[in-house]
């Protein structure tokens, strides 16, 4: 049974800021240097404007002693919610493949 999410998941960048940067008193600049990413990219990430890529998840996991899977799972949950609750009107013309297959029979 699939549980339907009614509340939008938190972006992993916001989690990273709240659970890692803020408690450690680290600036985005210091954390970006430690992670080996640009300050601009980390700023976009912690403000929810850039996704958690596989590479970013790997860097954060190594730097925090957490799992890559936890960061990618947060991103996936966020992405799924966004697509399920977004404007999908452009998909009105999409037919199921079984409909297409039956039309050739």
PDB file of N, CA and C in Angstrom:
ATOM      1  N   UNK A   1       0.836  -1.177   0.000  1.00  0.00           N
ATOM      2  CA  UNK A   1       0.000   0.000   0.000  1.00  0.00           C
ATOM      3  C   UNK A   1       0.888   1.249   0.000  1.00  0.00           C
ATOM      4  N   UNK A   2       0.642   2.156  -0.901  1.00  0.00           N
ATOM      5  CA  UNK A   2       1.421   3.375  -1.023  1.00  0.00           C
ATOM      6  C   UNK A   2       0.799   4.474  -0.183  1.00  0.00           C
ATOM      7  N   UNK A   3       1.641   5.121   0.598  1.00  0.00           N
ATOM      8  CA  UNK A   3       1.185   6.232   1.422  1.00  0.00           C
ATOM      9  C   UNK A   3       1.227   7.512   0.588  1.00  0.00           C
ATOM     10  N   UNK A   4       0.132   8.236   0.564  1.00  0.00           N
ATOM     11  CA  UNK A   4       0.071   9.474  -0.196  1.00  0.00           C
ATOM     12  C   UNK A   4       0.586  10.610   0.676  1.00  0.00           C
ATOM     13  N   UNK A   5       1.566  11.323   0.151  1.00  0.00           N
ATOM     14  CA  UNK A   5       2.138  12.467   0.870  1.00  0.00           C
ATOM     15  C   UNK A   5       1.250  13.691   0.659  1.00  0.00           C
ATOM     16  N   UNK A   6       0.885  14.321   1.750  1.00  0.00           N
ATOM     17  CA  UNK A   6       0.103  15.545   1.650  1.00  0.00           C
ATOM     18  C   UNK A   6       0.980  16.763   1.941  1.00  0.00           C
ATOM     19  N   UNK A   7       2.102  16.531   2.583  1.00  0.00           N
ATOM     20  CA  UNK A   7       3.002  17.625   2.929  1.00  0.00           C
ATOM     21  C   UNK A   7       4.277  17.523   2.094  1.00  0.00           C
ATOM     22  N   UNK A   8       4.712  18.621   1.573  1.00  0.00           N
ATOM     23  CA  UNK A   8       5.903  18.650   0.729  1.00  0.00           C
ATOM     24  C   UNK A   8       7.141  18.281   1.552  1.00  0.00           C
ATOM     25  N   UNK A   9       7.944  17.334   1.057  1.00  0.00           N
ATOM     26  CA  UNK A   9       9.184  16.988   1.770  1.00  0.00           C
ATOM     27  C   UNK A   9      10.141  18.185   1.780  1.00  0.00           C
ATOM     28  N   UNK A  10      11.021  18.202   2.746  1.00  0.00           N
ATOM     29  CA  UNK A  10      12.006  19.274   2.853  1.00  0.00           C
ATOM     30  C   UNK A  10      13.135  19.009   1.864  1.00  0.00           C
ATOM     31  N   UNK A  11      13.569  20.045   1.186  1.00  0.00           N
ATOM     32  CA  UNK A  11      14.697  19.939   0.256  1.00  0.00           C
ATOM     33  C   UNK A  11      15.947  19.527   1.056  1.00  0.00           C
ATOM     34  N   UNK A  12      16.771  18.619   0.509  1.00  0.00           N
ATOM     35  CA  UNK A  12      17.953  18.165   1.249  1.00  0.00           C
ATOM     36  C   UNK A  12      18.944  19.278   1.571  1.00  0.00           C
ATOM     37  N   UNK A  13      18.985  20.320   0.776  1.00  0.00           N
ATOM     38  CA  UNK A  13      19.879  21.434   1.069  1.00  0.00           C
ATOM     39  C   UNK A  13      19.475  22.171   2.331  1.00  0.00           C
ATOM     40  N   UNK A  14      18.180  22.292   2.526  1.00  0.00           N
ATOM     41  CA  UNK A  14      17.676  22.949   3.737  1.00  0.00           C
ATOM     42  C   UNK A  14      17.973  22.085   4.962  1.00  0.00           C
ATOM     43  N   UNK A  15      17.853  20.771   4.794  1.00  0.00           N
ATOM     44  CA  UNK A  15      18.210  19.837   5.869  1.00  0.00           C
ATOM     45  C   UNK A  15      19.696  19.963   6.196  1.00  0.00           C
ATOM     46  N   UNK A  16      20.527  20.018   5.161  1.00  0.00           N
ATOM     47  CA  UNK A  16      21.972  20.153   5.354  1.00  0.00           C
ATOM     48  C   UNK A  16      22.307  21.417   6.129  1.00  0.00           C
ATOM     49  N   UNK A  17      21.660  22.513   5.778  1.00  0.00           N
ATOM     50  CA  UNK A  17      21.915  23.771   6.493  1.00  0.00           C
ATOM     51  C   UNK A  17      21.458  23.683   7.944  1.00  0.00           C
ATOM     52  N   UNK A  18      20.242  23.195   8.148  1.00  0.00           N
ATOM     53  CA  UNK A  18      19.678  23.163   9.504  1.00  0.00           C
ATOM     54  C   UNK A  18      20.343  22.129  10.412  1.00  0.00           C
ATOM     55  N   UNK A  19      20.702  20.975   9.842  1.00  0.00           N
ATOM     56  CA  UNK A  19      21.225  19.884  10.667  1.00  0.00           C
ATOM     57  C   UNK A  19      22.741  19.802  10.713  1.00  0.00           C
ATOM     58  N   UNK A  20      23.411  20.465   9.781  1.00  0.00           N
ATOM     59  CA  UNK A  20      24.874  20.373   9.742  1.00  0.00           C
ATOM     60  C   UNK A  20      25.529  21.749   9.892  1.00  0.00           C
ATOM     61  N   UNK A  21      25.262  22.638   8.959  1.00  0.00           N
ATOM     62  CA  UNK A  21      25.957  23.933   8.983  1.00  0.00           C
ATOM     63  C   UNK A  21      25.642  24.753  10.220  1.00  0.00           C
ATOM     64  N   UNK A  22      24.354  24.949  10.492  1.00  0.00           N
ATOM     65  CA  UNK A  22      23.973  25.795  11.632  1.00  0.00           C
ATOM     66  C   UNK A  22      24.495  25.263  12.969  1.00  0.00           C
ATOM     67  N   UNK A  23      24.291  23.967  13.296  1.00  0.00           N
ATOM     68  CA  UNK A  23      24.804  23.483  14.583  1.00  0.00           C
ATOM     69  C   UNK A  23      26.327  23.586  14.720  1.00  0.00           C
ATOM     70  N   UNK A  24      27.043  23.459  13.607  1.00  0.00           N
ATOM     71  CA  UNK A  24      28.507  23.553  13.652  1.00  0.00           C
ATOM     72  C   UNK A  24      29.002  24.991  13.537  1.00  0.00           C
ATOM     73  N   UNK A  25      28.098  25.910  13.269  1.00  0.00           N
ATOM     74  CA  UNK A  25      28.484  27.301  13.111  1.00  0.00           C
ATOM     75  C   UNK A  25      29.320  27.552  11.862  1.00  0.00           C
ATOM     76  N   UNK A  26      29.099  26.727  10.829  1.00  0.00           N
ATOM     77  CA  UNK A  26      29.868  26.860   9.591  1.00  0.00           C
ATOM     78  C   UNK A  26      29.163  27.750   8.584  1.00  0.00           C
ATOM     79  N   UNK A  27      29.940  28.575   7.932  1.00  0.00           N
ATOM     80  CA  UNK A  27      29.396  29.389   6.855  1.00  0.00           C
ATOM     81  C   UNK A  27      29.333  28.558   5.588  1.00  0.00           C
ATOM     82  N   UNK A  28      28.563  29.032   4.633  1.00  0.00           N
ATOM     83  CA  UNK A  28      28.490  28.369   3.333  1.00  0.00           C
ATOM     84  C   UNK A  28      29.872  28.374   2.687  1.00  0.00           C
ATOM     85  N   UNK A  29      30.592  29.452   2.832  1.00  0.00           N
ATOM     86  CA  UNK A  29      31.933  29.564   2.250  1.00  0.00           C
ATOM     87  C   UNK A  29      32.877  28.510   2.822  1.00  0.00           C
ATOM     88  N   UNK A  30      32.904  28.365   4.144  1.00  0.00           N
ATOM     89  CA  UNK A  30      33.780  27.384   4.786  1.00  0.00           C
ATOM     90  C   UNK A  30      33.380  25.959   4.403  1.00  0.00           C
ATOM     91  N   UNK A  31      32.075  25.697   4.380  1.00  0.00           N
ATOM     92  CA  UNK A  31      31.600  24.352   4.040  1.00  0.00           C
ATOM     93  C   UNK A  31      31.901  24.032   2.576  1.00  0.00           C
ATOM     94  N   UNK A  32      31.734  25.013   1.692  1.00  0.00           N
ATOM     95  CA  UNK A  32      32.017  24.797   0.270  1.00  0.00           C
ATOM     96  C   UNK A  32      33.476  24.438   0.077  1.00  0.00           C
ATOM     97  N   UNK A  33      34.349  25.127   0.780  1.00  0.00           N
ATOM     98  CA  UNK A  33      35.782  24.837   0.683  1.00  0.00           C
ATOM     99  C   UNK A  33      36.064  23.418   1.163  1.00  0.00           C
ATOM    100  N   UNK A  34      35.464  23.032   2.285  1.00  0.00           N
ATOM    101  CA  UNK A  34      35.679  21.687   2.832  1.00  0.00           C
ATOM    102  C   UNK A  34      35.136  20.602   1.900  1.00  0.00           C
ATOM    103  N   UNK A  35      34.020  20.889   1.245  1.00  0.00           N
ATOM    104  CA  UNK A  35      33.402  19.914   0.344  1.00  0.00           C
ATOM    105  C   UNK A  35      34.050  19.893  -1.039  1.00  0.00           C
ATOM    106  N   UNK A  36      34.799  20.941  -1.363  1.00  0.00           N
ATOM    107  CA  UNK A  36      35.414  21.020  -2.677  1.00  0.00           C
ATOM    108  C   UNK A  36      34.444  21.416  -3.770  1.00  0.00           C
ATOM    109  N   UNK A  37      33.483  22.273  -3.415  1.00  0.00           N
ATOM    110  CA  UNK A  37      32.518  22.783  -4.393  1.00  0.00           C
ATOM    111  C   UNK A  37      32.552  24.310  -4.338  1.00  0.00           C
ATOM    112  N   UNK A  38      31.952  24.937  -5.325  1.00  0.00           N
ATOM    113  CA  UNK A  38      31.936  26.401  -5.316  1.00  0.00           C
ATOM    114  C   UNK A  38      30.962  26.916  -4.258  1.00  0.00           C
ATOM    115  N   UNK A  39      31.257  28.098  -3.763  1.00  0.00           N
ATOM    116  CA  UNK A  39      30.384  28.717  -2.780  1.00  0.00           C
ATOM    117  C   UNK A  39      29.001  28.963  -3.387  1.00  0.00           C
ATOM    118  N   UNK A  40      28.989  29.388  -4.649  1.00  0.00           N
ATOM    119  CA  UNK A  40      27.718  29.658  -5.326  1.00  0.00           C
ATOM    120  C   UNK A  40      26.862  28.398  -5.403  1.00  0.00           C
ATOM    121  N   UNK A  41      27.476  27.278  -5.785  1.00  0.00           N
ATOM    122  CA  UNK A  41      26.706  26.041  -5.906  1.00  0.00           C
ATOM    123  C   UNK A  41      26.162  25.593  -4.547  1.00  0.00           C
ATOM    124  N   UNK A  42      26.991  25.678  -3.514  1.00  0.00           N
ATOM    125  CA  UNK A  42      26.509  25.260  -2.190  1.00  0.00           C
ATOM    126  C   UNK A  42      25.413  26.201  -1.702  1.00  0.00           C
ATOM    127  N   UNK A  43      25.549  27.484  -1.999  1.00  0.00           N
ATOM    128  CA  UNK A  43      24.508  28.442  -1.613  1.00  0.00           C
ATOM    129  C   UNK A  43      23.183  28.104  -2.295  1.00  0.00           C
ATOM    130  N   UNK A  44      23.243  27.801  -3.593  1.00  0.00           N
ATOM    131  CA  UNK A  44      22.029  27.397  -4.310  1.00  0.00           C
ATOM    132  C   UNK A  44      21.431  26.140  -3.678  1.00  0.00           C
ATOM    133  N   UNK A  45      22.273  25.191  -3.319  1.00  0.00           N
ATOM    134  CA  UNK A  45      21.820  23.932  -2.720  1.00  0.00           C
ATOM    135  C   UNK A  45      21.150  24.168  -1.368  1.00  0.00           C
ATOM    136  N   UNK A  46      21.820  24.890  -0.470  1.00  0.00           N
ATOM    137  CA  UNK A  46      21.252  25.063   0.878  1.00  0.00           C
ATOM    138  C   UNK A  46      20.017  25.949   0.895  1.00  0.00           C
ATOM    139  N   UNK A  47      19.799  26.697  -0.188  1.00  0.00           N
ATOM    140  CA  UNK A  47      18.592  27.512  -0.292  1.00  0.00           C
ATOM    141  C   UNK A  47      17.501  26.835  -1.109  1.00  0.00           C
ATOM    142  N   UNK A  48      17.711  25.554  -1.455  1.00  0.00           N
ATOM    143  CA  UNK A  48      16.690  24.780  -2.143  1.00  0.00           C
ATOM    144  C   UNK A  48      16.557  25.072  -3.619  1.00  0.00           C
ATOM    145  N   UNK A  49      17.590  25.691  -4.223  1.00  0.00           N
ATOM    146  CA  UNK A  49      17.520  26.048  -5.638  1.00  0.00           C
ATOM    147  C   UNK A  49      18.358  25.144  -6.536  1.00  0.00           C
ATOM    148  N   UNK A  50      19.108  24.233  -5.950  1.00  0.00           N
ATOM    149  CA  UNK A  50      19.886  23.261  -6.727  1.00  0.00           C
ATOM    150  C   UNK A  50      19.655  21.885  -6.106  1.00  0.00           C
ATOM    151  N   UNK A  51      19.525  20.904  -6.974  1.00  0.00           N
ATOM    152  CA  UNK A  51      19.275  19.532  -6.509  1.00  0.00           C
ATOM    153  C   UNK A  51      20.526  18.924  -5.886  1.00  0.00           C
ATOM    154  N   UNK A  52      20.306  17.895  -5.105  1.00  0.00           N
ATOM    155  CA  UNK A  52      21.409  17.119  -4.537  1.00  0.00           C
ATOM    156  C   UNK A  52      21.801  16.073  -5.575  1.00  0.00           C
ATOM    157  N   UNK A  53      22.878  16.341  -6.276  1.00  0.00           N
ATOM    158  CA  UNK A  53      23.367  15.404  -7.287  1.00  0.00           C
ATOM    159  C   UNK A  53      24.043  14.220  -6.608  1.00  0.00           C
ATOM    160  N   UNK A  54      24.348  13.212  -7.388  1.00  0.00           N
ATOM    161  CA  UNK A  54      25.074  12.057  -6.846  1.00  0.00           C
ATOM    162  C   UNK A  54      26.416  12.503  -6.275  1.00  0.00           C
ATOM    163  N   UNK A  55      27.071  13.399  -6.984  1.00  0.00           N
ATOM    164  CA  UNK A  55      28.383  13.892  -6.534  1.00  0.00           C
ATOM    165  C   UNK A  55      28.264  14.678  -5.230  1.00  0.00           C
ATOM    166  N   UNK A  56      27.257  15.530  -5.133  1.00  0.00           N
ATOM    167  CA  UNK A  56      27.060  16.307  -3.905  1.00  0.00           C
ATOM    168  C   UNK A  56      26.711  15.379  -2.750  1.00  0.00           C
ATOM    169  N   UNK A  57      25.867  14.392  -2.997  1.00  0.00           N
ATOM    170  CA  UNK A  57      25.507  13.431  -1.954  1.00  0.00           C
ATOM    171  C   UNK A  57      26.738  12.692  -1.458  1.00  0.00           C
ATOM    172  N   UNK A  58      27.617  12.315  -2.370  1.00  0.00           N
ATOM    173  CA  UNK A  58      28.852  11.619  -2.000  1.00  0.00           C
ATOM    174  C   UNK A  58      29.748  12.509  -1.149  1.00  0.00           C
ATOM    175  N   UNK A  59      29.889  13.762  -1.554  1.00  0.00           N
ATOM    176  CA  UNK A  59      30.735  14.699  -0.800  1.00  0.00           C
ATOM    177  C   UNK A  59      30.165  14.966   0.599  1.00  0.00           C
ATOM    178  N   UNK A  60      28.854  15.189   0.665  1.00  0.00           N
ATOM    179  CA  UNK A  60      28.235  15.448   1.972  1.00  0.00           C
ATOM    180  C   UNK A  60      28.330  14.221   2.869  1.00  0.00           C
ATOM    181  N   UNK A  61      28.067  13.052   2.306  1.00  0.00           N
ATOM    182  CA  UNK A  61      28.135  11.819   3.098  1.00  0.00           C
ATOM    183  C   UNK A  61      29.531  11.626   3.676  1.00  0.00           C
ATOM    184  N   UNK A  62      30.545  11.836   2.858  1.00  0.00           N
ATOM    185  CA  UNK A  62      31.918  11.670   3.332  1.00  0.00           C
ATOM    186  C   UNK A  62      32.254  12.696   4.418  1.00  0.00           C
ATOM    187  N   UNK A  63      31.815  13.936   4.215  1.00  0.00           N
ATOM    188  CA  UNK A  63      32.129  15.010   5.160  1.00  0.00           C
ATOM    189  C   UNK A  63      31.368  14.909   6.479  1.00  0.00           C
ATOM    190  N   UNK A  64      30.213  14.242   6.455  1.00  0.00           N
ATOM    191  CA  UNK A  64      29.369  14.193   7.660  1.00  0.00           C
ATOM    192  C   UNK A  64      29.260  12.806   8.293  1.00  0.00           C
ATOM    193  N   UNK A  65      29.815  11.802   7.625  1.00  0.00           N
ATOM    194  CA  UNK A  65      29.695  10.440   8.164  1.00  0.00           C
ATOM    195  C   UNK A  65      28.291   9.880   8.011  1.00  0.00           C
ATOM    196  N   UNK A  66      27.568  10.382   7.025  1.00  0.00           N
ATOM    197  CA  UNK A  66      26.223   9.882   6.753  1.00  0.00           C
ATOM    198  C   UNK A  66      26.261   9.055   5.472  1.00  0.00           C
ATOM    199  N   UNK A  67      25.120   8.552   5.058  1.00  0.00           N
ATOM    200  CA  UNK A  67      25.100   7.712   3.861  1.00  0.00           C
ATOM    201  C   UNK A  67      24.723   8.532   2.624  1.00  0.00           C
ATOM    202  N   UNK A  68      25.290   8.140   1.509  1.00  0.00           N
ATOM    203  CA  UNK A  68      24.921   8.738   0.229  1.00  0.00           C
ATOM    204  C   UNK A  68      23.428   8.520  -0.006  1.00  0.00           C
ATOM    205  N   UNK A  69      22.961   7.320   0.320  1.00  0.00           N
ATOM    206  CA  UNK A  69      21.556   6.967   0.095  1.00  0.00           C
ATOM    207  C   UNK A  69      20.609   7.917   0.823  1.00  0.00           C
ATOM    208  N   UNK A  70      20.961   8.343   2.017  1.00  0.00           N
ATOM    209  CA  UNK A  70      20.054   9.228   2.761  1.00  0.00           C
ATOM    210  C   UNK A  70      19.852  10.554   2.036  1.00  0.00           C
ATOM    211  N   UNK A  71      20.909  11.110   1.461  1.00  0.00           N
ATOM    212  CA  UNK A  71      20.811  12.385   0.748  1.00  0.00           C
ATOM    213  C   UNK A  71      20.079  12.224  -0.574  1.00  0.00           C
ATOM    214  N   UNK A  72      20.358  11.146  -1.286  1.00  0.00           N
ATOM    215  CA  UNK A  72      19.678  10.924  -2.563  1.00  0.00           C
ATOM    216  C   UNK A  72      18.208  10.570  -2.358  1.00  0.00           C
ATOM    217  N   UNK A  73      17.902   9.870  -1.279  1.00  0.00           N
ATOM    218  CA  UNK A  73      16.507   9.551  -0.966  1.00  0.00           C
ATOM    219  C   UNK A  73      15.723  10.822  -0.662  1.00  0.00           C
ATOM    220  N   UNK A  74      16.331  11.732   0.092  1.00  0.00           N
ATOM    221  CA  UNK A  74      15.659  13.009   0.371  1.00  0.00           C
ATOM    222  C   UNK A  74      15.367  13.742  -0.936  1.00  0.00           C
ATOM    223  N   UNK A  75      16.355  13.750  -1.847  1.00  0.00           N
ATOM    224  CA  UNK A  75      16.170  14.446  -3.118  1.00  0.00           C
ATOM    225  C   UNK A  75      15.082  13.777  -3.945  1.00  0.00           C
ATOM    226  N   UNK A  76      15.088  12.449  -3.970  1.00  0.00           N
ATOM    227  CA  UNK A  76      14.083  11.714  -4.740  1.00  0.00           C
ATOM    228  C   UNK A  76      12.686  11.986  -4.209  1.00  0.00           C
ATOM    229  N   UNK A  77      12.513  11.962  -2.903  1.00  0.00           N
ATOM    230  CA  UNK A  77      11.201  12.245  -2.316  1.00  0.00           C
ATOM    231  C   UNK A  77      10.733  13.653  -2.656  1.00  0.00           C
ATOM    232  N   UNK A  78      11.672  14.588  -2.614  1.00  0.00           N
ATOM    233  CA  UNK A  78      11.355  15.976  -2.961  1.00  0.00           C
ATOM    234  C   UNK A  78      10.943  16.071  -4.430  1.00  0.00           C
ATOM    235  N   UNK A  79      11.716  15.433  -5.310  1.00  0.00           N
ATOM    236  CA  UNK A  79      11.429  15.469  -6.749  1.00  0.00           C
ATOM    237  C   UNK A  79      10.086  14.823  -7.080  1.00  0.00           C
ATOM    238  N   UNK A  80       9.805  13.683  -6.463  1.00  0.00           N
ATOM    239  CA  UNK A  80       8.538  12.987  -6.720  1.00  0.00           C
ATOM    240  C   UNK A  80       7.367  13.867  -6.302  1.00  0.00           C
ATOM    241  N   UNK A  81       7.449  14.473  -5.139  1.00  0.00           N
ATOM    242  CA  UNK A  81       6.371  15.348  -4.683  1.00  0.00           C
ATOM    243  C   UNK A  81       6.173  16.494  -5.669  1.00  0.00           C
ATOM    244  N   UNK A  82       7.288  17.112  -6.093  1.00  0.00           N
ATOM    245  CA  UNK A  82       7.214  18.239  -7.032  1.00  0.00           C
ATOM    246  C   UNK A  82       6.507  17.840  -8.322  1.00  0.00           C
ATOM    247  N   UNK A  83       6.876  16.691  -8.890  1.00  0.00           N
ATOM    248  CA  UNK A  83       6.290  16.288 -10.171  1.00  0.00           C
ATOM    249  C   UNK A  83       4.829  15.862 -10.006  1.00  0.00           C
ATOM    250  N   UNK A  84       4.505  15.233  -8.888  1.00  0.00           N
ATOM    251  CA  UNK A  84       3.125  14.806  -8.660  1.00  0.00           C
ATOM    252  C   UNK A  84       2.196  15.982  -8.365  1.00  0.00           C
ATOM    253  N   UNK A  85       2.730  17.069  -7.839  1.00  0.00           N
ATOM    254  CA  UNK A  85       1.904  18.215  -7.473  1.00  0.00           C
ATOM    255  C   UNK A  85       2.084  19.407  -8.414  1.00  0.00           C
ATOM    256  N   UNK A  86       2.853  19.220  -9.460  1.00  0.00           N
ATOM    257  CA  UNK A  86       3.096  20.295 -10.412  1.00  0.00           C
ATOM    258  C   UNK A  86       2.062  20.320 -11.520  1.00  0.00           C
ATOM    259  N   UNK A  87       2.269  21.233 -12.443  1.00  0.00           N
ATOM    260  CA  UNK A  87       1.380  21.364 -13.597  1.00  0.00           C
ATOM    261  C   UNK A  87       1.773  20.329 -14.640  1.00  0.00           C
ATOM    262  N   UNK A  88       0.981  19.295 -14.751  1.00  0.00           N
ATOM    263  CA  UNK A  88       1.241  18.228 -15.714  1.00  0.00           C
ATOM    264  C   UNK A  88       0.265  18.261 -16.878  1.00  0.00           C
ATOM    265  N   UNK A  89      -0.325  19.424 -17.133  1.00  0.00           N
ATOM    266  CA  UNK A  89      -1.317  19.541 -18.197  1.00  0.00           C
ATOM    267  C   UNK A  89      -0.733  19.240 -19.575  1.00  0.00           C
ATOM    268  N   UNK A  90       0.570  19.407 -19.724  1.00  0.00           N
ATOM    269  CA  UNK A  90       1.211  19.131 -21.009  1.00  0.00           C
ATOM    270  C   UNK A  90       1.172  17.650 -21.361  1.00  0.00           C
ATOM    271  N   UNK A  91       0.780  16.807 -20.414  1.00  0.00           N
ATOM    272  CA  UNK A  91       0.750  15.364 -20.637  1.00  0.00           C
ATOM    273  C   UNK A  91      -0.628  14.847 -21.037  1.00  0.00           C
ATOM    274  N   UNK A  92      -1.575  15.739 -21.290  1.00  0.00           N
ATOM    275  CA  UNK A  92      -2.944  15.327 -21.627  1.00  0.00           C
ATOM    276  C   UNK A  92      -2.996  14.418 -22.847  1.00  0.00           C
ATOM    277  N   UNK A  93      -2.105  14.610 -23.783  1.00  0.00           N
ATOM    278  CA  UNK A  93      -2.139  13.822 -25.016  1.00  0.00           C
ATOM    279  C   UNK A  93      -1.416  12.473 -24.891  1.00  0.00           C
ATOM    280  N   UNK A  94      -0.789  12.206 -23.760  1.00  0.00           N
ATOM    281  CA  UNK A  94      -0.071  10.940 -23.587  1.00  0.00           C
ATOM    282  C   UNK A  94      -1.064   9.803 -23.411  1.00  0.00           C
ATOM    283  N   UNK A  95      -0.893   8.773 -24.206  1.00  0.00           N
ATOM    284  CA  UNK A  95      -1.756   7.590 -24.136  1.00  0.00           C
ATOM    285  C   UNK A  95      -0.982   6.451 -23.500  1.00  0.00           C
ATOM    286  N   UNK A  96      -1.700   5.503 -22.929  1.00  0.00           N
ATOM    287  CA  UNK A  96      -1.021   4.333 -22.385  1.00  0.00           C
ATOM    288  C   UNK A  96      -0.507   3.487 -23.546  1.00  0.00           C
ATOM    289  N   UNK A  97       0.556   2.784 -23.306  1.00  0.00           N
ATOM    290  CA  UNK A  97       1.134   1.950 -24.358  1.00  0.00           C
ATOM    291  C   UNK A  97       0.216   0.797 -24.719  1.00  0.00           C
ATOM    292  N   UNK A  98      -0.598   0.317 -23.770  1.00  0.00           N
ATOM    293  CA  UNK A  98      -1.532  -0.750 -24.091  1.00  0.00           C
ATOM    294  C   UNK A  98      -2.614  -0.242 -25.056  1.00  0.00           C
ATOM    295  N   UNK A  99      -3.019   1.029 -24.901  1.00  0.00           N
ATOM    296  CA  UNK A  99      -3.979   1.623 -25.849  1.00  0.00           C
ATOM    297  C   UNK A  99      -3.378   1.645 -27.256  1.00  0.00           C
ATOM    298  N   UNK A 100      -2.145   2.018 -27.348  1.00  0.00           N
ATOM    299  CA  UNK A 100      -1.466   2.097 -28.639  1.00  0.00           C
ATOM    300  C   UNK A 100      -1.341   0.705 -29.232  1.00  0.00           C
ATOM    301  N   UNK A 101      -0.941  -0.262 -28.415  1.00  0.00           N
ATOM    302  CA  UNK A 101      -0.770  -1.632 -28.892  1.00  0.00           C
ATOM    303  C   UNK A 101      -2.114  -2.204 -29.395  1.00  0.00           C
ATOM    304  N   UNK A 102      -3.204  -1.937 -28.697  1.00  0.00           N
ATOM    305  CA  UNK A 102      -4.523  -2.438 -29.090  1.00  0.00           C
ATOM    306  C   UNK A 102      -5.026  -1.766 -30.371  1.00  0.00           C
ATOM    307  N   UNK A 103      -4.584  -0.534 -30.614  1.00  0.00           N
ATOM    308  CA  UNK A 103      -5.044   0.155 -31.814  1.00  0.00           C
ATOM    309  C   UNK A 103      -4.421  -0.448 -33.079  1.00  0.00           C
ATOM    310  N   UNK A 104      -3.304  -1.186 -32.918  1.00  0.00           N
ATOM    311  CA  UNK A 104      -2.661  -1.851 -34.050  1.00  0.00           C
ATOM    312  C   UNK A 104      -3.168  -3.278 -34.262  1.00  0.00           C
ATOM    313  N   UNK A 105      -3.888  -3.778 -33.296  1.00  0.00           N
ATOM    314  CA  UNK A 105      -4.348  -5.170 -33.374  1.00  0.00           C
ATOM    315  C   UNK A 105      -5.540  -5.355 -34.276  1.00  0.00           C
TER     316      UNK A 105
END
